[in-house]
Amino acid sequence: MSKSAGVPHIAAIDGESARQVSPFVSGVLSLLEQVEYRHLDSGEDFEDVCRLRYKSYVQSGMMAPNAAKAVRDKYDELPNSFVFGIYFDGRLVSTLRLHHATERYPLSPSTDVFGEELMPRVAAGETFIDPSRFAADMEWSGTLRTLPYITLRLAVLGCKFFNPTYCLTAVKEDHASFYRRIFRSEEAAEPRTYPGLIVPVHLYQSKCSDNMENTIERFPFFRSTQSERRMLFARPGGGELAPLTVLPTAKYWKEAA
């Protein structure tokens, strides 16, 4: 199988549309051309992600050092879990994990930590995309100032693919303003202790039917094709192999017929 996948043969953003986007958006779109997303659940690449989590959390003061020098937990193994590595020019620069919490598979980090608030809502039919374990290489964070957008693009794509009721975010207080500004998230529960972290986390939520399309319109690098979303989130069956690497398709946003 080819190393890369995800760019369909459809028209890119045309010249008139490109002139209408801001320099910031154009810059992120340009950087996406050097980005690869990899869905990881085992092997050496997954171990690299676990070590990146540890290094990032210790350096940012979110957890204390430990002998394992890696961060993994029970949520990585759940059937509704998607662990991604984000690579820039072939180097692992960040990681993000997503869970799709539904009545069939209700457990995720946020529905566990904030179970009193969220589990009754799942039982009532609400569904959630729950991003967690966002970690970035500190050196690359200084060079790629747009790395949070490139990484969290996966959460937007997850929302487009699964069409949940809400996108959740469990974050420490000083990161909350980013999610309020970008995703119009609102606080949904009082702060709690998160397993393995030494700082409390606040639960925020963004109602997808109200906010998702607006977010994509304001930040066109969150656009994607059905093909990209399917390769990232559809579970292979019948012996089919998942793509090794999926390339962002924000510049190829027009849906195929």
C-alpha atoms as a PDB file:
ATOM      1  CA  MET A   1       0.000   0.000   0.000  1.00  0.00           C
ATOM      2  CA  SER A   2       1.186   3.491  -0.781  1.00  0.00           C
ATOM      3  CA  LYS A   3       2.565   5.367   2.205  1.00  0.00           C
ATOM      4  CA  SER A   4       0.251   8.341   1.699  1.00  0.00           C
ATOM      5  CA  ALA A   5      -3.461   8.613   1.062  1.00  0.00           C
ATOM      6  CA  GLY A   6      -6.208  11.130   1.362  1.00  0.00           C
ATOM      7  CA  VAL A   7      -5.904  13.594  -1.562  1.00  0.00           C
ATOM      8  CA  PRO A   8      -8.710  12.949  -4.056  1.00  0.00           C
ATOM      9  CA  HIS A   9      -8.694  14.070  -7.670  1.00  0.00           C
ATOM     10  CA  ILE A  10     -11.013  17.057  -7.212  1.00  0.00           C
ATOM     11  CA  ALA A  11     -10.595  20.769  -7.622  1.00  0.00           C
ATOM     12  CA  ALA A  12      -8.529  22.715  -5.111  1.00  0.00           C
ATOM     13  CA  ILE A  13      -9.634  26.056  -3.672  1.00  0.00           C
ATOM     14  CA  ASP A  14      -9.752  28.353  -6.655  1.00  0.00           C
ATOM     15  CA  GLY A  15      -7.783  31.580  -7.021  1.00  0.00           C
ATOM     16  CA  GLU A  16     -10.675  33.860  -6.081  1.00  0.00           C
ATOM     17  CA  SER A  17     -11.368  31.899  -2.878  1.00  0.00           C
ATOM     18  CA  ALA A  18      -7.661  31.866  -1.996  1.00  0.00           C
ATOM     19  CA  ARG A  19      -7.499  35.669  -2.255  1.00  0.00           C
ATOM     20  CA  GLN A  20     -10.387  35.988   0.198  1.00  0.00           C
ATOM     21  CA  VAL A  21      -8.716  34.100   3.054  1.00  0.00           C
ATOM     22  CA  SER A  22      -6.516  35.835   5.600  1.00  0.00           C
ATOM     23  CA  PRO A  23      -2.711  35.471   5.700  1.00  0.00           C
ATOM     24  CA  PHE A  24      -3.165  33.376   8.858  1.00  0.00           C
ATOM     25  CA  VAL A  25      -5.511  30.931   7.116  1.00  0.00           C
ATOM     26  CA  SER A  26      -3.274  30.825   4.036  1.00  0.00           C
ATOM     27  CA  GLY A  27      -0.295  30.061   6.254  1.00  0.00           C
ATOM     28  CA  VAL A  28      -2.030  27.141   7.953  1.00  0.00           C
ATOM     29  CA  LEU A  29      -3.240  25.784   4.604  1.00  0.00           C
ATOM     30  CA  SER A  30       0.331  25.937   3.318  1.00  0.00           C
ATOM     31  CA  LEU A  31       1.705  24.141   6.378  1.00  0.00           C
ATOM     32  CA  LEU A  32      -0.894  21.389   6.012  1.00  0.00           C
ATOM     33  CA  GLU A  33       0.871  20.360   2.819  1.00  0.00           C
ATOM     34  CA  GLN A  34       3.714  19.077   5.024  1.00  0.00           C
ATOM     35  CA  VAL A  35       1.440  17.340   7.558  1.00  0.00           C
ATOM     36  CA  GLU A  36       0.496  13.672   7.860  1.00  0.00           C
ATOM     37  CA  TYR A  37      -2.081  12.142  10.208  1.00  0.00           C
ATOM     38  CA  ARG A  38      -1.511   8.591  11.402  1.00  0.00           C
ATOM     39  CA  HIS A  39      -4.055   6.475  13.296  1.00  0.00           C
ATOM     40  CA  LEU A  40      -2.057   4.467  15.848  1.00  0.00           C
ATOM     41  CA  ASP A  41      -3.107   1.736  18.245  1.00  0.00           C
ATOM     42  CA  SER A  42       0.042  -0.335  18.680  1.00  0.00           C
ATOM     43  CA  GLY A  43       3.652  -0.658  17.672  1.00  0.00           C
ATOM     44  CA  GLU A  44       6.620   1.653  17.795  1.00  0.00           C
ATOM     45  CA  ASP A  45       4.727   4.736  16.597  1.00  0.00           C
ATOM     46  CA  PHE A  46       2.217   4.341  19.432  1.00  0.00           C
ATOM     47  CA  GLU A  47       5.060   4.069  21.930  1.00  0.00           C
ATOM     48  CA  ASP A  48       6.483   7.304  20.510  1.00  0.00           C
ATOM     49  CA  VAL A  49       3.117   8.964  21.159  1.00  0.00           C
ATOM     50  CA  CYS A  50       3.096   7.721  24.762  1.00  0.00           C
ATOM     51  CA  ARG A  51       6.573   9.161  25.306  1.00  0.00           C
ATOM     52  CA  LEU A  52       5.560  12.459  23.711  1.00  0.00           C
ATOM     53  CA  ARG A  53       2.573  12.699  26.064  1.00  0.00           C
ATOM     54  CA  TYR A  54       4.850  12.181  29.047  1.00  0.00           C
ATOM     55  CA  LYS A  55       7.457  14.702  27.928  1.00  0.00           C
ATOM     56  CA  SER A  56       4.845  17.336  27.108  1.00  0.00           C
ATOM     57  CA  TYR A  57       2.893  16.951  30.352  1.00  0.00           C
ATOM     58  CA  VAL A  58       5.965  16.980  32.578  1.00  0.00           C
ATOM     59  CA  GLN A  59       7.427  20.037  30.836  1.00  0.00           C
ATOM     60  CA  SER A  60       4.129  21.902  31.129  1.00  0.00           C
ATOM     61  CA  GLY A  61       3.702  21.043  34.814  1.00  0.00           C
ATOM     62  CA  MET A  62       0.593  18.932  34.287  1.00  0.00           C
ATOM     63  CA  MET A  63       2.054  15.755  35.775  1.00  0.00           C
ATOM     64  CA  ALA A  64       4.944  14.641  37.947  1.00  0.00           C
ATOM     65  CA  PRO A  65       7.887  12.650  36.527  1.00  0.00           C
ATOM     66  CA  ASN A  66       7.699   8.866  36.771  1.00  0.00           C
ATOM     67  CA  ALA A  67       9.945   5.929  35.980  1.00  0.00           C
ATOM     68  CA  ALA A  68       7.906   4.750  32.986  1.00  0.00           C
ATOM     69  CA  LYS A  69       8.485   8.013  31.067  1.00  0.00           C
ATOM     70  CA  ALA A  70       5.378   7.267  29.033  1.00  0.00           C
ATOM     71  CA  VAL A  71       1.665   7.979  29.372  1.00  0.00           C
ATOM     72  CA  ARG A  72      -0.950   5.393  28.443  1.00  0.00           C
ATOM     73  CA  ASP A  73      -4.238   4.553  30.107  1.00  0.00           C
ATOM     74  CA  LYS A  74      -7.306   2.315  29.888  1.00  0.00           C
ATOM     75  CA  TYR A  75      -9.050   4.716  27.521  1.00  0.00           C
ATOM     76  CA  ASP A  76      -6.509   3.990  24.764  1.00  0.00           C
ATOM     77  CA  GLU A  77      -7.864   0.438  24.485  1.00  0.00           C
ATOM     78  CA  LEU A  78     -11.572   1.230  24.183  1.00  0.00           C
ATOM     79  CA  PRO A  79     -13.399   0.263  20.960  1.00  0.00           C
ATOM     80  CA  ASN A  80     -14.508   3.874  20.442  1.00  0.00           C
ATOM     81  CA  SER A  81     -10.957   5.262  20.777  1.00  0.00           C
ATOM     82  CA  PHE A  82      -8.892   6.833  17.973  1.00  0.00           C
ATOM     83  CA  VAL A  83      -5.268   7.736  18.757  1.00  0.00           C
ATOM     84  CA  PHE A  84      -3.494   9.926  16.224  1.00  0.00           C
ATOM     85  CA  GLY A  85       0.044  11.054  15.666  1.00  0.00           C
ATOM     86  CA  ILE A  86       0.560  14.292  13.753  1.00  0.00           C
ATOM     87  CA  TYR A  87       3.738  14.373  11.677  1.00  0.00           C
ATOM     88  CA  PHE A  88       5.390  17.402  10.092  1.00  0.00           C
ATOM     89  CA  ASP A  89       7.985  16.627   7.430  1.00  0.00           C
ATOM     90  CA  GLY A  90       7.996  13.063   8.735  1.00  0.00           C
ATOM     91  CA  ARG A  91       8.586  13.988  12.404  1.00  0.00           C
ATOM     92  CA  LEU A  92       6.111  13.399  15.215  1.00  0.00           C
ATOM     93  CA  VAL A  93       5.162  16.869  16.481  1.00  0.00           C
ATOM     94  CA  SER A  94       1.884  16.319  18.332  1.00  0.00           C
ATOM     95  CA  THR A  95      -0.791  13.797  19.192  1.00  0.00           C
ATOM     96  CA  LEU A  96      -4.507  13.729  19.900  1.00  0.00           C
ATOM     97  CA  ARG A  97      -6.937  11.038  21.003  1.00  0.00           C
ATOM     98  CA  LEU A  98     -10.649  11.075  20.183  1.00  0.00           C
ATOM     99  CA  HIS A  99     -13.514   9.040  21.600  1.00  0.00           C
ATOM    100  CA  HIS A 100     -16.992   8.799  20.109  1.00  0.00           C
ATOM    101  CA  ALA A 101     -19.260   8.379  23.126  1.00  0.00           C
ATOM    102  CA  THR A 102     -22.673   6.883  22.369  1.00  0.00           C
ATOM    103  CA  GLU A 103     -25.285   4.787  24.138  1.00  0.00           C
ATOM    104  CA  ARG A 104     -23.555   1.683  22.732  1.00  0.00           C
ATOM    105  CA  TYR A 105     -20.051   2.825  23.734  1.00  0.00           C
ATOM    106  CA  PRO A 106     -20.614   5.449  26.447  1.00  0.00           C
ATOM    107  CA  LEU A 107     -17.211   5.418  28.117  1.00  0.00           C
ATOM    108  CA  SER A 108     -14.642   8.091  27.356  1.00  0.00           C
ATOM    109  CA  PRO A 109     -12.312  10.134  29.575  1.00  0.00           C
ATOM    110  CA  SER A 110     -14.839  12.950  30.003  1.00  0.00           C
ATOM    111  CA  THR A 111     -17.903  10.733  30.462  1.00  0.00           C
ATOM    112  CA  ASP A 112     -15.924   8.884  33.141  1.00  0.00           C
ATOM    113  CA  VAL A 113     -14.510  11.899  34.999  1.00  0.00           C
ATOM    114  CA  PHE A 114     -17.719  13.914  34.605  1.00  0.00           C
ATOM    115  CA  GLY A 115     -20.016  10.897  34.690  1.00  0.00           C
ATOM    116  CA  GLU A 116     -22.601  12.456  36.974  1.00  0.00           C
ATOM    117  CA  GLU A 117     -23.270  15.165  34.397  1.00  0.00           C
ATOM    118  CA  LEU A 118     -22.685  13.302  31.139  1.00  0.00           C
ATOM    119  CA  MET A 119     -23.836   9.700  31.543  1.00  0.00           C
ATOM    120  CA  PRO A 120     -27.541  10.636  31.942  1.00  0.00           C
ATOM    121  CA  ARG A 121     -27.250  12.687  28.762  1.00  0.00           C
ATOM    122  CA  VAL A 122     -25.762   9.730  26.871  1.00  0.00           C
ATOM    123  CA  ALA A 123     -28.591   7.531  28.141  1.00  0.00           C
ATOM    124  CA  ALA A 124     -31.045  10.151  26.860  1.00  0.00           C
ATOM    125  CA  GLY A 125     -29.579   9.895  23.355  1.00  0.00           C
ATOM    126  CA  GLU A 126     -26.915  12.583  23.187  1.00  0.00           C
ATOM    127  CA  THR A 127     -23.577  11.673  21.624  1.00  0.00           C
ATOM    128  CA  PHE A 128     -20.157  13.238  22.077  1.00  0.00           C
ATOM    129  CA  ILE A 129     -16.796  13.587  20.406  1.00  0.00           C
ATOM    130  CA  ASP A 130     -14.330  13.716  23.285  1.00  0.00           C
ATOM    131  CA  PRO A 131     -10.800  14.902  22.384  1.00  0.00           C
ATOM    132  CA  SER A 132      -8.144  14.124  24.983  1.00  0.00           C
ATOM    133  CA  ARG A 133      -4.413  13.539  25.464  1.00  0.00           C
ATOM    134  CA  PHE A 134      -3.482  16.543  23.330  1.00  0.00           C
ATOM    135  CA  ALA A 135       0.299  16.752  23.598  1.00  0.00           C
ATOM    136  CA  ALA A 136       2.838  18.646  21.528  1.00  0.00           C
ATOM    137  CA  ASP A 137       6.595  18.616  21.186  1.00  0.00           C
ATOM    138  CA  MET A 138       7.681  21.798  22.975  1.00  0.00           C
ATOM    139  CA  GLU A 139      10.430  22.594  20.486  1.00  0.00           C
ATOM    140  CA  TRP A 140       8.067  22.308  17.538  1.00  0.00           C
ATOM    141  CA  SER A 141       5.383  24.303  19.362  1.00  0.00           C
ATOM    142  CA  GLY A 142       7.711  27.300  19.311  1.00  0.00           C
ATOM    143  CA  THR A 143       8.404  26.883  15.592  1.00  0.00           C
ATOM    144  CA  LEU A 144       4.900  25.882  14.482  1.00  0.00           C
ATOM    145  CA  ARG A 145       2.741  28.376  16.347  1.00  0.00           C
ATOM    146  CA  THR A 146      -0.301  27.048  14.507  1.00  0.00           C
ATOM    147  CA  LEU A 147       0.241  23.488  15.768  1.00  0.00           C
ATOM    148  CA  PRO A 148      -2.894  23.557  17.999  1.00  0.00           C
ATOM    149  CA  TYR A 149      -5.047  24.274  14.938  1.00  0.00           C
ATOM    150  CA  ILE A 150      -3.363  21.568  12.876  1.00  0.00           C
ATOM    151  CA  THR A 151      -3.822  19.062  15.701  1.00  0.00           C
ATOM    152  CA  LEU A 152      -7.382  19.980  16.704  1.00  0.00           C
ATOM    153  CA  ARG A 153      -8.436  19.854  13.073  1.00  0.00           C
ATOM    154  CA  LEU A 154      -8.853  16.141  13.789  1.00  0.00           C
ATOM    155  CA  ALA A 155     -11.586  16.930  16.332  1.00  0.00           C
ATOM    156  CA  VAL A 156     -13.466  18.956  13.719  1.00  0.00           C
ATOM    157  CA  LEU A 157     -13.176  16.109  11.223  1.00  0.00           C
ATOM    158  CA  GLY A 158     -14.400  13.681  13.874  1.00  0.00           C
ATOM    159  CA  CYS A 159     -17.460  15.855  14.443  1.00  0.00           C
ATOM    160  CA  LYS A 160     -18.152  16.020  10.715  1.00  0.00           C
ATOM    161  CA  PHE A 161     -17.837  12.237  10.373  1.00  0.00           C
ATOM    162  CA  PHE A 162     -19.853  11.145  13.417  1.00  0.00           C
ATOM    163  CA  ASN A 163     -22.255  14.107  13.683  1.00  0.00           C
ATOM    164  CA  PRO A 164     -22.380  14.152  17.519  1.00  0.00           C
ATOM    165  CA  THR A 165     -24.574  16.366  19.651  1.00  0.00           C
ATOM    166  CA  TYR A 166     -21.595  18.051  21.333  1.00  0.00           C
ATOM    167  CA  CYS A 167     -17.845  18.242  21.085  1.00  0.00           C
ATOM    168  CA  LEU A 168     -16.413  18.063  24.596  1.00  0.00           C
ATOM    169  CA  THR A 169     -13.163  19.499  25.912  1.00  0.00           C
ATOM    170  CA  ALA A 170     -11.622  18.795  29.320  1.00  0.00           C
ATOM    171  CA  VAL A 171      -8.878  21.399  29.748  1.00  0.00           C
ATOM    172  CA  LYS A 172      -6.985  23.269  32.406  1.00  0.00           C
ATOM    173  CA  GLU A 173      -8.261  26.747  33.101  1.00  0.00           C
ATOM    174  CA  ASP A 174      -5.630  28.746  31.208  1.00  0.00           C
ATOM    175  CA  HIS A 175      -6.423  26.874  27.970  1.00  0.00           C
ATOM    176  CA  ALA A 176     -10.183  27.430  28.143  1.00  0.00           C
ATOM    177  CA  SER A 177     -10.161  30.795  26.374  1.00  0.00           C
ATOM    178  CA  PHE A 178      -8.798  29.156  23.201  1.00  0.00           C
ATOM    179  CA  TYR A 179     -11.755  26.775  23.027  1.00  0.00           C
ATOM    180  CA  ARG A 180     -14.262  29.511  23.795  1.00  0.00           C
ATOM    181  CA  ARG A 181     -12.833  31.643  21.003  1.00  0.00           C
ATOM    182  CA  ILE A 182     -12.315  28.988  18.323  1.00  0.00           C
ATOM    183  CA  PHE A 183     -15.159  26.536  18.986  1.00  0.00           C
ATOM    184  CA  ARG A 184     -17.541  28.763  20.986  1.00  0.00           C
ATOM    185  CA  SER A 185     -17.356  26.237  23.791  1.00  0.00           C
ATOM    186  CA  GLU A 186     -19.179  26.849  27.063  1.00  0.00           C
ATOM    187  CA  GLU A 187     -18.392  25.488  30.516  1.00  0.00           C
ATOM    188  CA  ALA A 188     -20.503  22.428  31.294  1.00  0.00           C
ATOM    189  CA  ALA A 189     -19.286  21.286  34.724  1.00  0.00           C
ATOM    190  CA  GLU A 190     -17.202  22.314  37.690  1.00  0.00           C
ATOM    191  CA  PRO A 191     -13.479  21.381  37.557  1.00  0.00           C
ATOM    192  CA  ARG A 192     -12.442  17.871  38.542  1.00  0.00           C
ATOM    193  CA  THR A 193      -9.287  15.861  39.059  1.00  0.00           C
ATOM    194  CA  TYR A 194      -8.209  14.055  35.906  1.00  0.00           C
ATOM    195  CA  PRO A 195      -6.433  10.674  36.239  1.00  0.00           C
ATOM    196  CA  GLY A 196      -2.653  11.095  36.169  1.00  0.00           C
ATOM    197  CA  LEU A 197      -2.678  14.906  36.143  1.00  0.00           C
ATOM    198  CA  ILE A 198      -1.810  17.218  39.020  1.00  0.00           C
ATOM    199  CA  VAL A 199      -3.973  20.108  37.813  1.00  0.00           C
ATOM    200  CA  PRO A 200      -7.784  20.146  37.755  1.00  0.00           C
ATOM    201  CA  VAL A 201      -9.592  20.163  34.412  1.00  0.00           C
ATOM    202  CA  HIS A 202     -12.684  22.093  33.380  1.00  0.00           C
ATOM    203  CA  LEU A 203     -15.310  20.547  31.115  1.00  0.00           C
ATOM    204  CA  TYR A 204     -16.346  22.626  28.113  1.00  0.00           C
ATOM    205  CA  GLN A 205     -18.786  21.728  25.358  1.00  0.00           C
ATOM    206  CA  SER A 206     -19.646  23.062  21.920  1.00  0.00           C
ATOM    207  CA  LYS A 207     -23.030  22.215  20.376  1.00  0.00           C
ATOM    208  CA  CYS A 208     -22.169  20.938  16.930  1.00  0.00           C
ATOM    209  CA  SER A 209     -25.442  21.878  15.211  1.00  0.00           C
ATOM    210  CA  ASP A 210     -24.972  25.496  16.312  1.00  0.00           C
ATOM    211  CA  ASN A 211     -21.218  25.978  16.062  1.00  0.00           C
ATOM    212  CA  MET A 212     -19.440  23.501  13.816  1.00  0.00           C
ATOM    213  CA  GLU A 213     -20.225  24.965  10.400  1.00  0.00           C
ATOM    214  CA  ASN A 214     -19.512  28.460  11.694  1.00  0.00           C
ATOM    215  CA  THR A 215     -16.128  27.307  12.967  1.00  0.00           C
ATOM    216  CA  ILE A 216     -15.282  25.757   9.597  1.00  0.00           C
ATOM    217  CA  GLU A 217     -16.396  28.896   7.781  1.00  0.00           C
ATOM    218  CA  ARG A 218     -14.174  31.107   9.946  1.00  0.00           C
ATOM    219  CA  PHE A 219     -11.202  28.744   9.703  1.00  0.00           C
ATOM    220  CA  PRO A 220     -11.215  27.103   6.234  1.00  0.00           C
ATOM    221  CA  PHE A 221      -8.250  24.879   7.105  1.00  0.00           C
ATOM    222  CA  PHE A 222     -10.802  22.837   9.085  1.00  0.00           C
ATOM    223  CA  ARG A 223     -12.455  21.851   5.802  1.00  0.00           C
ATOM    224  CA  SER A 224     -12.085  18.268   4.634  1.00  0.00           C
ATOM    225  CA  THR A 225     -13.333  15.767   2.114  1.00  0.00           C
ATOM    226  CA  GLN A 226     -15.510  12.752   2.818  1.00  0.00           C
ATOM    227  CA  SER A 227     -12.598  10.597   1.695  1.00  0.00           C
ATOM    228  CA  GLU A 228     -10.233  12.016   4.308  1.00  0.00           C
ATOM    229  CA  ARG A 229     -12.782  11.643   7.089  1.00  0.00           C
ATOM    230  CA  ARG A 230     -13.591   8.081   6.076  1.00  0.00           C
ATOM    231  CA  MET A 231      -9.935   7.045   6.027  1.00  0.00           C
ATOM    232  CA  LEU A 232      -9.386   8.569   9.463  1.00  0.00           C
ATOM    233  CA  PHE A 233     -12.440   7.198  11.255  1.00  0.00           C
ATOM    234  CA  ALA A 234     -14.071   4.309   9.394  1.00  0.00           C
ATOM    235  CA  ARG A 235     -13.068   0.973  10.893  1.00  0.00           C
ATOM    236  CA  PRO A 236     -11.664  -1.361   8.205  1.00  0.00           C
ATOM    237  CA  GLY A 237     -13.465  -4.646   7.738  1.00  0.00           C
ATOM    238  CA  GLY A 238     -13.139  -7.851   5.779  1.00  0.00           C
ATOM    239  CA  GLY A 239      -9.363  -7.931   6.010  1.00  0.00           C
ATOM    240  CA  GLU A 240      -9.009  -4.441   4.580  1.00  0.00           C
ATOM    241  CA  LEU A 241      -6.000  -2.498   5.868  1.00  0.00           C
ATOM    242  CA  ALA A 242      -6.275   1.045   7.175  1.00  0.00           C
ATOM    243  CA  PRO A 243      -4.181   3.680   5.370  1.00  0.00           C
ATOM    244  CA  LEU A 244      -0.737   4.089   6.891  1.00  0.00           C
ATOM    245  CA  THR A 245      -0.872   7.853   6.429  1.00  0.00           C
ATOM    246  CA  VAL A 246      -3.719  10.246   5.662  1.00  0.00           C
ATOM    247  CA  LEU A 247      -2.953  13.633   4.149  1.00  0.00           C
ATOM    248  CA  PRO A 248      -5.073  16.717   4.975  1.00  0.00           C
ATOM    249  CA  THR A 249      -7.517  17.751   2.257  1.00  0.00           C
ATOM    250  CA  ALA A 250      -8.483  21.264   3.356  1.00  0.00           C
ATOM    251  CA  LYS A 251      -7.350  22.686   0.005  1.00  0.00           C
ATOM    252  CA  TYR A 252      -9.522  20.073  -1.762  1.00  0.00           C
ATOM    253  CA  TRP A 253     -12.699  20.886   0.103  1.00  0.00           C
ATOM    254  CA  LYS A 254     -15.322  20.495  -2.636  1.00  0.00           C
ATOM    255  CA  GLU A 255     -17.140  17.220  -2.038  1.00  0.00           C
ATOM    256  CA  ALA A 256     -16.878  14.607  -4.765  1.00  0.00           C
ATOM    257  CA  ALA A 257     -20.105  13.963  -6.600  1.00  0.00           C
END
